[in-house]
Amino acid sequence: NADLGFTHEDRTENLRRVAHVAALFMQQGFVAIAAVISPEERHR
């Protein structure tokens, strides 16, 4: 996510990417531990 800043739009995209990566690991049987601020309820 090096191409993203901290605007509301960039933060939303950052967390969307993290969630998709986490889901991919989960589907392979991993416990994916995402340590992310995710400040808004809509992000979570």
Full PDB file with SEQRES, HELIX, SHEET, SSBOND, CRYST1, ORIGX, SCALE, CONECT and MASTER records, all heavy atoms in Angstrom:
SEQRES   1 A   44  ASN ALA ASP LEU GLY PHE THR HIS GLU ASP ARG THR GLU          
SEQRES   2 A   44  ASN LEU ARG ARG VAL ALA HIS VAL ALA ALA LEU PHE MET          
SEQRES   3 A   44  GLN GLN GLY PHE VAL ALA ILE ALA ALA VAL ILE SER PRO          
SEQRES   4 A   44  GLU GLU ARG HIS ARG                                          
HELIX    1 AA1 HIS A    8  GLN A   27  1                                  20    
CRYST1    1.000    1.000    1.000  90.00  90.00  90.00 P 1           1          
ORIGX1      1.000000  0.000000  0.000000        0.00000                         
ORIGX2      0.000000  1.000000  0.000000        0.00000                         
ORIGX3      0.000000  0.000000  1.000000        0.00000                         
SCALE1      1.000000  0.000000  0.000000        0.00000                         
SCALE2      0.000000  1.000000  0.000000        0.00000                         
SCALE3      0.000000  0.000000  1.000000        0.00000                         
ATOM      1  N   ASN A   1       0.809  -1.220   0.000  1.00  0.00           N  
ATOM      2  CA  ASN A   1       0.000   0.000   0.000  1.00  0.00           C  
ATOM      3  C   ASN A   1       0.845   1.275   0.000  1.00  0.00           C  
ATOM      4  O   ASN A   1       0.380   2.338   0.428  1.00  0.00           O  
ATOM      5  CB  ASN A   1      -0.959  -0.024   1.193  1.00  0.00           C  
ATOM      6  CG  ASN A   1      -1.944  -1.168   1.081  1.00  0.00           C  
ATOM      7  OD1 ASN A   1      -2.308  -1.584  -0.017  1.00  0.00           O  
ATOM      8  ND2 ASN A   1      -2.370  -1.693   2.208  1.00  0.00           N  
ATOM      9  N   ALA A   2       2.071   1.182  -0.509  1.00  0.00           N  
ATOM     10  CA  ALA A   2       2.979   2.336  -0.522  1.00  0.00           C  
ATOM     11  C   ALA A   2       2.459   3.477  -1.394  1.00  0.00           C  
ATOM     12  O   ALA A   2       2.865   4.617  -1.227  1.00  0.00           O  
ATOM     13  CB  ALA A   2       4.370   1.915  -0.995  1.00  0.00           C  
ATOM     14  N   ASP A   3       1.547   3.162  -2.293  1.00  0.00           N  
ATOM     15  CA  ASP A   3       0.994   4.190  -3.186  1.00  0.00           C  
ATOM     16  C   ASP A   3      -0.142   4.970  -2.545  1.00  0.00           C  
ATOM     17  O   ASP A   3      -0.704   5.871  -3.174  1.00  0.00           O  
ATOM     18  CB  ASP A   3       0.504   3.546  -4.492  1.00  0.00           C  
ATOM     19  CG  ASP A   3      -0.587   2.507  -4.271  1.00  0.00           C  
ATOM     20  OD1 ASP A   3      -0.523   1.763  -3.261  1.00  0.00           O  
ATOM     21  OD2 ASP A   3      -1.503   2.433  -5.116  1.00  0.00           O  
ATOM     22  N   LEU A   4      -0.473   4.673  -1.305  1.00  0.00           N  
ATOM     23  CA  LEU A   4      -1.608   5.310  -0.641  1.00  0.00           C  
ATOM     24  C   LEU A   4      -1.172   6.247   0.473  1.00  0.00           C  
ATOM     25  O   LEU A   4      -0.209   5.967   1.188  1.00  0.00           O  
ATOM     26  CB  LEU A   4      -2.540   4.234  -0.063  1.00  0.00           C  
ATOM     27  CG  LEU A   4      -3.128   3.254  -1.073  1.00  0.00           C  
ATOM     28  CD1 LEU A   4      -3.879   2.147  -0.345  1.00  0.00           C  
ATOM     29  CD2 LEU A   4      -4.031   3.978  -2.066  1.00  0.00           C  
ATOM     30  N   GLY A   5      -1.921   7.327   0.638  1.00  0.00           N  
ATOM     31  CA  GLY A   5      -1.687   8.265   1.728  1.00  0.00           C  
ATOM     32  C   GLY A   5      -2.680   8.007   2.851  1.00  0.00           C  
ATOM     33  O   GLY A   5      -3.107   6.872   3.082  1.00  0.00           O  
ATOM     34  N   PHE A   6      -3.085   9.080   3.525  1.00  0.00           N  
ATOM     35  CA  PHE A   6      -3.968   8.945   4.677  1.00  0.00           C  
ATOM     36  C   PHE A   6      -5.260   9.739   4.527  1.00  0.00           C  
ATOM     37  O   PHE A   6      -5.938  10.011   5.517  1.00  0.00           O  
ATOM     38  CB  PHE A   6      -3.224   9.333   5.965  1.00  0.00           C  
ATOM     39  CG  PHE A   6      -2.175   8.318   6.331  1.00  0.00           C  
ATOM     40  CD1 PHE A   6      -0.884   8.455   5.846  1.00  0.00           C  
ATOM     41  CD2 PHE A   6      -2.488   7.223   7.107  1.00  0.00           C  
ATOM     42  CE1 PHE A   6       0.087   7.503   6.159  1.00  0.00           C  
ATOM     43  CE2 PHE A   6      -1.523   6.273   7.424  1.00  0.00           C  
ATOM     44  CZ  PHE A   6      -0.234   6.417   6.949  1.00  0.00           C  
ATOM     45  N   THR A   7      -5.607  10.103   3.273  1.00  0.00           N  
ATOM     46  CA  THR A   7      -6.902  10.735   3.058  1.00  0.00           C  
ATOM     47  C   THR A   7      -7.981   9.696   3.361  1.00  0.00           C  
ATOM     48  O   THR A   7      -7.692   8.491   3.456  1.00  0.00           O  
ATOM     49  CB  THR A   7      -7.058  11.215   1.600  1.00  0.00           C  
ATOM     50  OG1 THR A   7      -7.048  10.057   0.752  1.00  0.00           O  
ATOM     51  CG2 THR A   7      -5.950  12.196   1.205  1.00  0.00           C  
ATOM     52  N   HIS A   8      -9.206  10.131   3.469  1.00  0.00           N  
ATOM     53  CA  HIS A   8     -10.291   9.180   3.736  1.00  0.00           C  
ATOM     54  C   HIS A   8     -10.384   8.138   2.625  1.00  0.00           C  
ATOM     55  O   HIS A   8     -10.579   6.950   2.905  1.00  0.00           O  
ATOM     56  CB  HIS A   8     -11.618   9.921   3.916  1.00  0.00           C  
ATOM     57  CG  HIS A   8     -11.645  10.777   5.145  1.00  0.00           C  
ATOM     58  ND1 HIS A   8     -11.647  10.240   6.413  1.00  0.00           N  
ATOM     59  CD2 HIS A   8     -11.641  12.117   5.294  1.00  0.00           C  
ATOM     60  CE1 HIS A   8     -11.642  11.221   7.300  1.00  0.00           C  
ATOM     61  NE2 HIS A   8     -11.633  12.368   6.650  1.00  0.00           N  
ATOM     62  N   GLU A   9     -10.208   8.562   1.386  1.00  0.00           N  
ATOM     63  CA  GLU A   9     -10.284   7.630   0.252  1.00  0.00           C  
ATOM     64  C   GLU A   9      -9.133   6.629   0.290  1.00  0.00           C  
ATOM     65  O   GLU A   9      -9.335   5.429   0.073  1.00  0.00           O  
ATOM     66  CB  GLU A   9     -10.279   8.395  -1.081  1.00  0.00           C  
ATOM     67  CG  GLU A   9     -11.481   9.289  -1.301  1.00  0.00           C  
ATOM     68  CD  GLU A   9     -11.409  10.635  -0.554  1.00  0.00           C  
ATOM     69  OE1 GLU A   9     -10.311  11.018  -0.063  1.00  0.00           O  
ATOM     70  OE2 GLU A   9     -12.462  11.277  -0.439  1.00  0.00           O  
ATOM     71  N   ASP A  10      -7.922   7.123   0.539  1.00  0.00           N  
ATOM     72  CA  ASP A  10      -6.756   6.238   0.587  1.00  0.00           C  
ATOM     73  C   ASP A  10      -6.846   5.268   1.771  1.00  0.00           C  
ATOM     74  O   ASP A  10      -6.480   4.098   1.659  1.00  0.00           O  
ATOM     75  CB  ASP A  10      -5.463   7.041   0.674  1.00  0.00           C  
ATOM     76  CG  ASP A  10      -5.046   7.635  -0.663  1.00  0.00           C  
ATOM     77  OD1 ASP A  10      -5.700   7.364  -1.685  1.00  0.00           O  
ATOM     78  OD2 ASP A  10      -4.052   8.395  -0.682  1.00  0.00           O  
ATOM     79  N   ARG A  11      -7.323   5.752   2.901  1.00  0.00           N  
ATOM     80  CA  ARG A  11      -7.462   4.884   4.073  1.00  0.00           C  
ATOM     81  C   ARG A  11      -8.464   3.762   3.774  1.00  0.00           C  
ATOM     82  O   ARG A  11      -8.227   2.600   4.112  1.00  0.00           O  
ATOM     83  CB  ARG A  11      -7.915   5.708   5.278  1.00  0.00           C  
ATOM     84  CG  ARG A  11      -7.730   5.011   6.592  1.00  0.00           C  
ATOM     85  CD  ARG A  11      -8.175   5.883   7.749  1.00  0.00           C  
ATOM     86  NE  ARG A  11      -7.377   7.062   7.958  1.00  0.00           N  
ATOM     87  CZ  ARG A  11      -6.310   7.130   8.750  1.00  0.00           C  
ATOM     88  NH1 ARG A  11      -5.911   6.063   9.389  1.00  0.00           N  
ATOM     89  NH2 ARG A  11      -5.665   8.253   8.904  1.00  0.00           N  
ATOM     90  N   THR A  12      -9.555   4.115   3.113  1.00  0.00           N  
ATOM     91  CA  THR A  12     -10.561   3.118   2.745  1.00  0.00           C  
ATOM     92  C   THR A  12      -9.962   2.071   1.818  1.00  0.00           C  
ATOM     93  O   THR A  12     -10.160   0.859   2.010  1.00  0.00           O  
ATOM     94  CB  THR A  12     -11.781   3.802   2.091  1.00  0.00           C  
ATOM     95  OG1 THR A  12     -12.372   4.698   3.051  1.00  0.00           O  
ATOM     96  CG2 THR A  12     -12.812   2.791   1.632  1.00  0.00           C  
ATOM     97  N   GLU A  13      -9.192   2.496   0.809  1.00  0.00           N  
ATOM     98  CA  GLU A  13      -8.565   1.567  -0.123  1.00  0.00           C  
ATOM     99  C   GLU A  13      -7.516   0.713   0.582  1.00  0.00           C  
ATOM    100  O   GLU A  13      -7.412  -0.499   0.333  1.00  0.00           O  
ATOM    101  CB  GLU A  13      -7.943   2.312  -1.306  1.00  0.00           C  
ATOM    102  CG  GLU A  13      -7.176   1.441  -2.282  1.00  0.00           C  
ATOM    103  CD  GLU A  13      -7.997   0.341  -2.952  1.00  0.00           C  
ATOM    104  OE1 GLU A  13      -9.245   0.368  -2.886  1.00  0.00           O  
ATOM    105  OE2 GLU A  13      -7.387  -0.573  -3.535  1.00  0.00           O  
ATOM    106  N   ASN A  14      -6.731   1.295   1.464  1.00  0.00           N  
ATOM    107  CA  ASN A  14      -5.737   0.556   2.236  1.00  0.00           C  
ATOM    108  C   ASN A  14      -6.403  -0.601   2.980  1.00  0.00           C  
ATOM    109  O   ASN A  14      -5.955  -1.753   2.901  1.00  0.00           O  
ATOM    110  CB  ASN A  14      -5.042   1.511   3.217  1.00  0.00           C  
ATOM    111  CG  ASN A  14      -4.120   0.792   4.174  1.00  0.00           C  
ATOM    112  OD1 ASN A  14      -3.179   0.137   3.785  1.00  0.00           O  
ATOM    113  ND2 ASN A  14      -4.407   0.920   5.455  1.00  0.00           N  
ATOM    114  N   LEU A  15      -7.466  -0.306   3.680  1.00  0.00           N  
ATOM    115  CA  LEU A  15      -8.131  -1.327   4.490  1.00  0.00           C  
ATOM    116  C   LEU A  15      -8.854  -2.358   3.625  1.00  0.00           C  
ATOM    117  O   LEU A  15      -8.917  -3.534   3.976  1.00  0.00           O  
ATOM    118  CB  LEU A  15      -9.068  -0.665   5.494  1.00  0.00           C  
ATOM    119  CG  LEU A  15      -8.305   0.188   6.526  1.00  0.00           C  
ATOM    120  CD1 LEU A  15      -9.255   1.057   7.320  1.00  0.00           C  
ATOM    121  CD2 LEU A  15      -7.455  -0.688   7.433  1.00  0.00           C  
ATOM    122  N   ARG A  16      -9.365  -1.944   2.476  1.00  0.00           N  
ATOM    123  CA  ARG A  16      -9.985  -2.886   1.543  1.00  0.00           C  
ATOM    124  C   ARG A  16      -8.945  -3.910   1.087  1.00  0.00           C  
ATOM    125  O   ARG A  16      -9.204  -5.121   1.081  1.00  0.00           O  
ATOM    126  CB  ARG A  16     -10.567  -2.140   0.336  1.00  0.00           C  
ATOM    127  CG  ARG A  16     -11.353  -3.040  -0.630  1.00  0.00           C  
ATOM    128  CD  ARG A  16     -11.651  -2.323  -1.940  1.00  0.00           C  
ATOM    129  NE  ARG A  16     -10.440  -2.149  -2.744  1.00  0.00           N  
ATOM    130  CZ  ARG A  16      -9.866  -3.106  -3.485  1.00  0.00           C  
ATOM    131  NH1 ARG A  16     -10.380  -4.321  -3.520  1.00  0.00           N  
ATOM    132  NH2 ARG A  16      -8.770  -2.861  -4.184  1.00  0.00           N  
ATOM    133  N   ARG A  17      -7.757  -3.435   0.739  1.00  0.00           N  
ATOM    134  CA  ARG A  17      -6.687  -4.340   0.306  1.00  0.00           C  
ATOM    135  C   ARG A  17      -6.280  -5.294   1.421  1.00  0.00           C  
ATOM    136  O   ARG A  17      -6.102  -6.492   1.196  1.00  0.00           O  
ATOM    137  CB  ARG A  17      -5.466  -3.541  -0.160  1.00  0.00           C  
ATOM    138  CG  ARG A  17      -5.681  -2.777  -1.443  1.00  0.00           C  
ATOM    139  CD  ARG A  17      -4.423  -2.010  -1.805  1.00  0.00           C  
ATOM    140  NE  ARG A  17      -4.650  -1.061  -2.888  1.00  0.00           N  
ATOM    141  CZ  ARG A  17      -3.705  -0.258  -3.380  1.00  0.00           C  
ATOM    142  NH1 ARG A  17      -2.470  -0.304  -2.891  1.00  0.00           N  
ATOM    143  NH2 ARG A  17      -3.991   0.584  -4.345  1.00  0.00           N  
ATOM    144  N   VAL A  18      -6.118  -4.759   2.620  1.00  0.00           N  
ATOM    145  CA  VAL A  18      -5.728  -5.599   3.761  1.00  0.00           C  
ATOM    146  C   VAL A  18      -6.779  -6.681   3.989  1.00  0.00           C  
ATOM    147  O   VAL A  18      -6.438  -7.857   4.206  1.00  0.00           O  
ATOM    148  CB  VAL A  18      -5.517  -4.761   5.038  1.00  0.00           C  
ATOM    149  CG1 VAL A  18      -5.277  -5.663   6.243  1.00  0.00           C  
ATOM    150  CG2 VAL A  18      -4.359  -3.779   4.863  1.00  0.00           C  
ATOM    151  N   ALA A  19      -8.049  -6.324   3.918  1.00  0.00           N  
ATOM    152  CA  ALA A  19      -9.121  -7.299   4.142  1.00  0.00           C  
ATOM    153  C   ALA A  19      -9.088  -8.404   3.087  1.00  0.00           C  
ATOM    154  O   ALA A  19      -9.265  -9.590   3.411  1.00  0.00           O  
ATOM    155  CB  ALA A  19     -10.479  -6.604   4.154  1.00  0.00           C  
ATOM    156  N   HIS A  20      -8.844  -8.051   1.841  1.00  0.00           N  
ATOM    157  CA  HIS A  20      -8.779  -9.070   0.790  1.00  0.00           C  
ATOM    158  C   HIS A  20      -7.584 -10.003   0.984  1.00  0.00           C  
ATOM    159  O   HIS A  20      -7.708 -11.220   0.809  1.00  0.00           O  
ATOM    160  CB  HIS A  20      -8.741  -8.424  -0.596  1.00  0.00           C  
ATOM    161  CG  HIS A  20     -10.095  -8.052  -1.107  1.00  0.00           C  
ATOM    162  ND1 HIS A  20     -11.011  -8.984  -1.557  1.00  0.00           N  
ATOM    163  CD2 HIS A  20     -10.702  -6.850  -1.224  1.00  0.00           C  
ATOM    164  CE1 HIS A  20     -12.123  -8.371  -1.943  1.00  0.00           C  
ATOM    165  NE2 HIS A  20     -11.956  -7.078  -1.743  1.00  0.00           N  
ATOM    166  N   VAL A  21      -6.437  -9.452   1.350  1.00  0.00           N  
ATOM    167  CA  VAL A  21      -5.257 -10.284   1.605  1.00  0.00           C  
ATOM    168  C   VAL A  21      -5.533 -11.215   2.795  1.00  0.00           C  
ATOM    169  O   VAL A  21      -5.246 -12.416   2.744  1.00  0.00           O  
ATOM    170  CB  VAL A  21      -4.000  -9.421   1.843  1.00  0.00           C  
ATOM    171  CG1 VAL A  21      -2.831 -10.270   2.343  1.00  0.00           C  
ATOM    172  CG2 VAL A  21      -3.609  -8.676   0.567  1.00  0.00           C  
ATOM    173  N   ALA A  22      -6.106 -10.667   3.852  1.00  0.00           N  
ATOM    174  CA  ALA A  22      -6.429 -11.471   5.036  1.00  0.00           C  
ATOM    175  C   ALA A  22      -7.390 -12.600   4.666  1.00  0.00           C  
ATOM    176  O   ALA A  22      -7.218 -13.749   5.110  1.00  0.00           O  
ATOM    177  CB  ALA A  22      -7.027 -10.582   6.129  1.00  0.00           C  
ATOM    178  N   ALA A  23      -8.397 -12.287   3.851  1.00  0.00           N  
ATOM    179  CA  ALA A  23      -9.371 -13.304   3.437  1.00  0.00           C  
ATOM    180  C   ALA A  23      -8.698 -14.422   2.649  1.00  0.00           C  
ATOM    181  O   ALA A  23      -9.035 -15.610   2.821  1.00  0.00           O  
ATOM    182  CB  ALA A  23     -10.487 -12.657   2.619  1.00  0.00           C  
ATOM    183  N   LEU A  24      -7.745 -14.074   1.789  1.00  0.00           N  
ATOM    184  CA  LEU A  24      -7.025 -15.091   1.018  1.00  0.00           C  
ATOM    185  C   LEU A  24      -6.266 -16.049   1.940  1.00  0.00           C  
ATOM    186  O   LEU A  24      -6.294 -17.273   1.742  1.00  0.00           O  
ATOM    187  CB  LEU A  24      -6.059 -14.434   0.031  1.00  0.00           C  
ATOM    188  CG  LEU A  24      -6.696 -13.718  -1.156  1.00  0.00           C  
ATOM    189  CD1 LEU A  24      -5.636 -12.916  -1.914  1.00  0.00           C  
ATOM    190  CD2 LEU A  24      -7.387 -14.711  -2.071  1.00  0.00           C  
ATOM    191  N   PHE A  25      -5.591 -15.495   2.942  1.00  0.00           N  
ATOM    192  CA  PHE A  25      -4.877 -16.351   3.892  1.00  0.00           C  
ATOM    193  C   PHE A  25      -5.852 -17.218   4.682  1.00  0.00           C  
ATOM    194  O   PHE A  25      -5.614 -18.403   4.907  1.00  0.00           O  
ATOM    195  CB  PHE A  25      -3.999 -15.515   4.835  1.00  0.00           C  
ATOM    196  CG  PHE A  25      -2.657 -15.188   4.260  1.00  0.00           C  
ATOM    197  CD1 PHE A  25      -2.390 -13.926   3.761  1.00  0.00           C  
ATOM    198  CD2 PHE A  25      -1.657 -16.147   4.212  1.00  0.00           C  
ATOM    199  CE1 PHE A  25      -1.149 -13.624   3.219  1.00  0.00           C  
ATOM    200  CE2 PHE A  25      -0.405 -15.863   3.677  1.00  0.00           C  
ATOM    201  CZ  PHE A  25      -0.156 -14.593   3.174  1.00  0.00           C  
ATOM    202  N   MET A  26      -6.963 -16.630   5.120  1.00  0.00           N  
ATOM    203  CA  MET A  26      -7.959 -17.382   5.886  1.00  0.00           C  
ATOM    204  C   MET A  26      -8.477 -18.562   5.068  1.00  0.00           C  
ATOM    205  O   MET A  26      -8.628 -19.669   5.588  1.00  0.00           O  
ATOM    206  CB  MET A  26      -9.116 -16.477   6.289  1.00  0.00           C  
ATOM    207  CG  MET A  26     -10.181 -17.199   7.099  1.00  0.00           C  
ATOM    208  SD  MET A  26     -11.655 -16.210   7.381  1.00  0.00           S  
ATOM    209  CE  MET A  26     -12.430 -16.322   5.762  1.00  0.00           C  
ATOM    210  N   GLN A  27      -8.722 -18.331   3.788  1.00  0.00           N  
ATOM    211  CA  GLN A  27      -9.239 -19.400   2.920  1.00  0.00           C  
ATOM    212  C   GLN A  27      -8.254 -20.557   2.789  1.00  0.00           C  
ATOM    213  O   GLN A  27      -8.652 -21.680   2.471  1.00  0.00           O  
ATOM    214  CB  GLN A  27      -9.596 -18.830   1.548  1.00  0.00           C  
ATOM    215  CG  GLN A  27     -10.792 -17.910   1.584  1.00  0.00           C  
ATOM    216  CD  GLN A  27     -10.911 -17.034   0.344  1.00  0.00           C  
ATOM    217  OE1 GLN A  27     -10.158 -17.188  -0.623  1.00  0.00           O  
ATOM    218  NE2 GLN A  27     -11.849 -16.097   0.376  1.00  0.00           N  
ATOM    219  N   GLN A  28      -6.984 -20.297   3.051  1.00  0.00           N  
ATOM    220  CA  GLN A  28      -5.956 -21.338   3.009  1.00  0.00           C  
ATOM    221  C   GLN A  28      -5.699 -21.958   4.380  1.00  0.00           C  
ATOM    222  O   GLN A  28      -4.739 -22.711   4.557  1.00  0.00           O  
ATOM    223  CB  GLN A  28      -4.656 -20.776   2.419  1.00  0.00           C  
ATOM    224  CG  GLN A  28      -4.790 -20.360   0.974  1.00  0.00           C  
ATOM    225  CD  GLN A  28      -5.230 -21.502   0.078  1.00  0.00           C  
ATOM    226  OE1 GLN A  28      -4.680 -22.593   0.137  1.00  0.00           O  
ATOM    227  NE2 GLN A  28      -6.247 -21.262  -0.741  1.00  0.00           N  
ATOM    228  N   GLY A  29      -6.535 -21.613   5.367  1.00  0.00           N  
ATOM    229  CA  GLY A  29      -6.433 -22.207   6.691  1.00  0.00           C  
ATOM    230  C   GLY A  29      -5.589 -21.439   7.686  1.00  0.00           C  
ATOM    231  O   GLY A  29      -5.379 -21.893   8.802  1.00  0.00           O  
ATOM    232  N   PHE A  30      -5.100 -20.285   7.305  1.00  0.00           N  
ATOM    233  CA  PHE A  30      -4.293 -19.460   8.214  1.00  0.00           C  
ATOM    234  C   PHE A  30      -5.179 -18.647   9.156  1.00  0.00           C  
ATOM    235  O   PHE A  30      -6.304 -18.284   8.804  1.00  0.00           O  
ATOM    236  CB  PHE A  30      -3.452 -18.444   7.422  1.00  0.00           C  
ATOM    237  CG  PHE A  30      -2.215 -19.009   6.791  1.00  0.00           C  
ATOM    238  CD1 PHE A  30      -2.306 -19.806   5.658  1.00  0.00           C  
ATOM    239  CD2 PHE A  30      -0.955 -18.729   7.310  1.00  0.00           C  
ATOM    240  CE1 PHE A  30      -1.168 -20.323   5.060  1.00  0.00           C  
ATOM    241  CE2 PHE A  30       0.181 -19.243   6.712  1.00  0.00           C  
ATOM    242  CZ  PHE A  30       0.075 -20.036   5.584  1.00  0.00           C  
ATOM    243  N   VAL A  31      -4.625 -18.322  10.310  1.00  0.00           N  
ATOM    244  CA  VAL A  31      -5.186 -17.267  11.138  1.00  0.00           C  
ATOM    245  C   VAL A  31      -4.433 -16.014  10.712  1.00  0.00           C  
ATOM    246  O   VAL A  31      -3.232 -15.881  10.961  1.00  0.00           O  
ATOM    247  CB  VAL A  31      -4.996 -17.539  12.643  1.00  0.00           C  
ATOM    248  CG1 VAL A  31      -5.478 -16.347  13.463  1.00  0.00           C  
ATOM    249  CG2 VAL A  31      -5.726 -18.813  13.055  1.00  0.00           C  
ATOM    250  N   ALA A  32      -5.118 -15.136  10.000  1.00  0.00           N  
ATOM    251  CA  ALA A  32      -4.527 -13.879   9.541  1.00  0.00           C  
ATOM    252  C   ALA A  32      -4.814 -12.821  10.600  1.00  0.00           C  
ATOM    253  O   ALA A  32      -5.970 -12.538  10.894  1.00  0.00           O  
ATOM    254  CB  ALA A  32      -5.115 -13.473   8.193  1.00  0.00           C  
ATOM    255  N   ILE A  33      -3.756 -12.282  11.164  1.00  0.00           N  
ATOM    256  CA  ILE A  33      -3.881 -11.297  12.240  1.00  0.00           C  
ATOM    257  C   ILE A  33      -3.570  -9.929  11.648  1.00  0.00           C  
ATOM    258  O   ILE A  33      -2.412  -9.608  11.390  1.00  0.00           O  
ATOM    259  CB  ILE A  33      -2.923 -11.623  13.397  1.00  0.00           C  
ATOM    260  CG1 ILE A  33      -3.070 -13.092  13.828  1.00  0.00           C  
ATOM    261  CG2 ILE A  33      -3.159 -10.670  14.566  1.00  0.00           C  
ATOM    262  CD1 ILE A  33      -1.881 -13.624  14.605  1.00  0.00           C  
ATOM    263  N   ALA A  34      -4.609  -9.141  11.415  1.00  0.00           N  
ATOM    264  CA  ALA A  34      -4.458  -7.814  10.819  1.00  0.00           C  
ATOM    265  C   ALA A  34      -4.404  -6.771  11.932  1.00  0.00           C  
ATOM    266  O   ALA A  34      -5.359  -6.597  12.675  1.00  0.00           O  
ATOM    267  CB  ALA A  34      -5.616  -7.521   9.871  1.00  0.00           C  
ATOM    268  N   ALA A  35      -3.265  -6.112  12.052  1.00  0.00           N  
ATOM    269  CA  ALA A  35      -3.073  -5.059  13.052  1.00  0.00           C  
ATOM    270  C   ALA A  35      -3.155  -3.722  12.326  1.00  0.00           C  
ATOM    271  O   ALA A  35      -2.157  -3.243  11.775  1.00  0.00           O  
ATOM    272  CB  ALA A  35      -1.734  -5.232  13.758  1.00  0.00           C  
ATOM    273  N   VAL A  36      -4.360  -3.168  12.276  1.00  0.00           N  
ATOM    274  CA  VAL A  36      -4.625  -1.960  11.496  1.00  0.00           C  
ATOM    275  C   VAL A  36      -5.522  -1.021  12.293  1.00  0.00           C  
ATOM    276  O   VAL A  36      -6.457  -1.458  12.952  1.00  0.00           O  
ATOM    277  CB  VAL A  36      -5.292  -2.307  10.142  1.00  0.00           C  
ATOM    278  CG1 VAL A  36      -4.301  -2.975   9.199  1.00  0.00           C  
ATOM    279  CG2 VAL A  36      -6.502  -3.208  10.320  1.00  0.00           C  
ATOM    280  N   ILE A  37      -5.250   0.269  12.223  1.00  0.00           N  
ATOM    281  CA  ILE A  37      -6.033   1.220  13.005  1.00  0.00           C  
ATOM    282  C   ILE A  37      -7.518   1.136  12.658  1.00  0.00           C  
ATOM    283  O   ILE A  37      -8.354   1.078  13.534  1.00  0.00           O  
ATOM    284  CB  ILE A  37      -5.484   2.659  12.837  1.00  0.00           C  
ATOM    285  CG1 ILE A  37      -4.085   2.750  13.456  1.00  0.00           C  
ATOM    286  CG2 ILE A  37      -6.428   3.675  13.468  1.00  0.00           C  
ATOM    287  CD1 ILE A  37      -3.362   4.056  13.214  1.00  0.00           C  
ATOM    288  N   SER A  38      -7.858   1.105  11.380  1.00  0.00           N  
ATOM    289  CA  SER A  38      -9.244   1.074  10.884  1.00  0.00           C  
ATOM    290  C   SER A  38     -10.169   1.935  11.748  1.00  0.00           C  
ATOM    291  O   SER A  38     -10.996   1.410  12.484  1.00  0.00           O  
ATOM    292  CB  SER A  38      -9.763  -0.354  10.731  1.00  0.00           C  
ATOM    293  OG  SER A  38      -9.536  -1.171  11.836  1.00  0.00           O  
ATOM    294  N   PRO A  39     -10.043   3.263  11.615  1.00  0.00           N  
ATOM    295  CA  PRO A  39     -10.683   4.185  12.548  1.00  0.00           C  
ATOM    296  C   PRO A  39     -12.192   4.331  12.443  1.00  0.00           C  
ATOM    297  O   PRO A  39     -12.822   4.784  13.392  1.00  0.00           O  
ATOM    298  CB  PRO A  39     -10.018   5.517  12.223  1.00  0.00           C  
ATOM    299  CG  PRO A  39      -9.637   5.404  10.792  1.00  0.00           C  
ATOM    300  CD  PRO A  39      -9.262   3.961  10.605  1.00  0.00           C  
ATOM    301  N   GLU A  40     -12.775   3.930  11.328  1.00  0.00           N  
ATOM    302  CA  GLU A  40     -14.214   4.142  11.164  1.00  0.00           C  
ATOM    303  C   GLU A  40     -14.966   2.821  11.154  1.00  0.00           C  
ATOM    304  O   GLU A  40     -14.484   1.820  10.638  1.00  0.00           O  
ATOM    305  CB  GLU A  40     -14.490   4.892   9.861  1.00  0.00           C  
ATOM    306  CG  GLU A  40     -13.905   6.297   9.828  1.00  0.00           C  
ATOM    307  CD  GLU A  40     -14.181   7.011   8.526  1.00  0.00           C  
ATOM    308  OE1 GLU A  40     -15.286   6.851   7.966  1.00  0.00           O  
ATOM    309  OE2 GLU A  40     -13.272   7.718   8.048  1.00  0.00           O  
ATOM    310  N   GLU A  41     -16.169   2.866  11.708  1.00  0.00           N  
ATOM    311  CA  GLU A  41     -17.027   1.684  11.728  1.00  0.00           C  
ATOM    312  C   GLU A  41     -17.246   1.159  10.312  1.00  0.00           C  
ATOM    313  O   GLU A  41     -17.244  -0.049  10.094  1.00  0.00           O  
ATOM    314  CB  GLU A  41     -18.368   2.003  12.392  1.00  0.00           C  
ATOM    315  CG  GLU A  41     -19.362   0.866  12.360  1.00  0.00           C  
ATOM    316  CD  GLU A  41     -18.871  -0.417  13.017  1.00  0.00           C  
ATOM    317  OE1 GLU A  41     -18.125  -0.347  14.014  1.00  0.00           O  
ATOM    318  OE2 GLU A  41     -19.234  -1.501  12.518  1.00  0.00           O  
ATOM    319  N   ARG A  42     -17.403   2.050   9.346  1.00  0.00           N  
ATOM    320  CA  ARG A  42     -17.645   1.603   7.962  1.00  0.00           C  
ATOM    321  C   ARG A  42     -16.449   0.817   7.422  1.00  0.00           C  
ATOM    322  O   ARG A  42     -16.623  -0.123   6.649  1.00  0.00           O  
ATOM    323  CB  ARG A  42     -17.993   2.781   7.048  1.00  0.00           C  
ATOM    324  CG  ARG A  42     -16.857   3.731   6.800  1.00  0.00           C  
ATOM    325  CD  ARG A  42     -17.300   4.936   5.938  1.00  0.00           C  
ATOM    326  NE  ARG A  42     -16.192   5.832   5.740  1.00  0.00           N  
ATOM    327  CZ  ARG A  42     -15.417   5.827   4.646  1.00  0.00           C  
ATOM    328  NH1 ARG A  42     -15.655   4.988   3.655  1.00  0.00           N  
ATOM    329  NH2 ARG A  42     -14.411   6.676   4.539  1.00  0.00           N  
ATOM    330  N   HIS A  43     -15.235   1.158   7.838  1.00  0.00           N  
ATOM    331  CA  HIS A  43     -14.049   0.393   7.430  1.00  0.00           C  
ATOM    332  C   HIS A  43     -14.101  -1.022   7.996  1.00  0.00           C  
ATOM    333  O   HIS A  43     -13.829  -2.006   7.295  1.00  0.00           O  
ATOM    334  CB  HIS A  43     -12.761   1.052   7.923  1.00  0.00           C  
ATOM    335  CG  HIS A  43     -12.485   2.383   7.319  1.00  0.00           C  
ATOM    336  ND1 HIS A  43     -11.919   3.409   8.053  1.00  0.00           N  
ATOM    337  CD2 HIS A  43     -12.679   2.880   6.074  1.00  0.00           C  
ATOM    338  CE1 HIS A  43     -11.778   4.458   7.279  1.00  0.00           C  
ATOM    339  NE2 HIS A  43     -12.237   4.163   6.070  1.00  0.00           N  
ATOM    340  N   ARG A  44     -14.422  -1.108   9.280  1.00  0.00           N  
ATOM    341  CA  ARG A  44     -14.468  -2.415   9.930  1.00  0.00           C  
ATOM    342  C   ARG A  44     -15.603  -3.269   9.373  1.00  0.00           C  
ATOM    343  O   ARG A  44     -15.445  -4.471   9.174  1.00  0.00           O  
ATOM    344  CB  ARG A  44     -14.557  -2.234  11.442  1.00  0.00           C  
ATOM    345  CG  ARG A  44     -13.335  -1.503  12.010  1.00  0.00           C  
ATOM    346  CD  ARG A  44     -13.349  -1.386  13.508  1.00  0.00           C  
ATOM    347  NE  ARG A  44     -14.402  -0.573  14.061  1.00  0.00           N  
ATOM    348  CZ  ARG A  44     -14.303   0.735  14.328  1.00  0.00           C  
ATOM    349  NH1 ARG A  44     -13.166   1.382  14.082  1.00  0.00           N  
ATOM    350  NH2 ARG A  44     -15.312   1.385  14.863  1.00  0.00           N  
TER     351      ARG A  44                                                      
MASTER        0    0    0    1    0    0    0    6  350    1    0    4          
END                                                                             
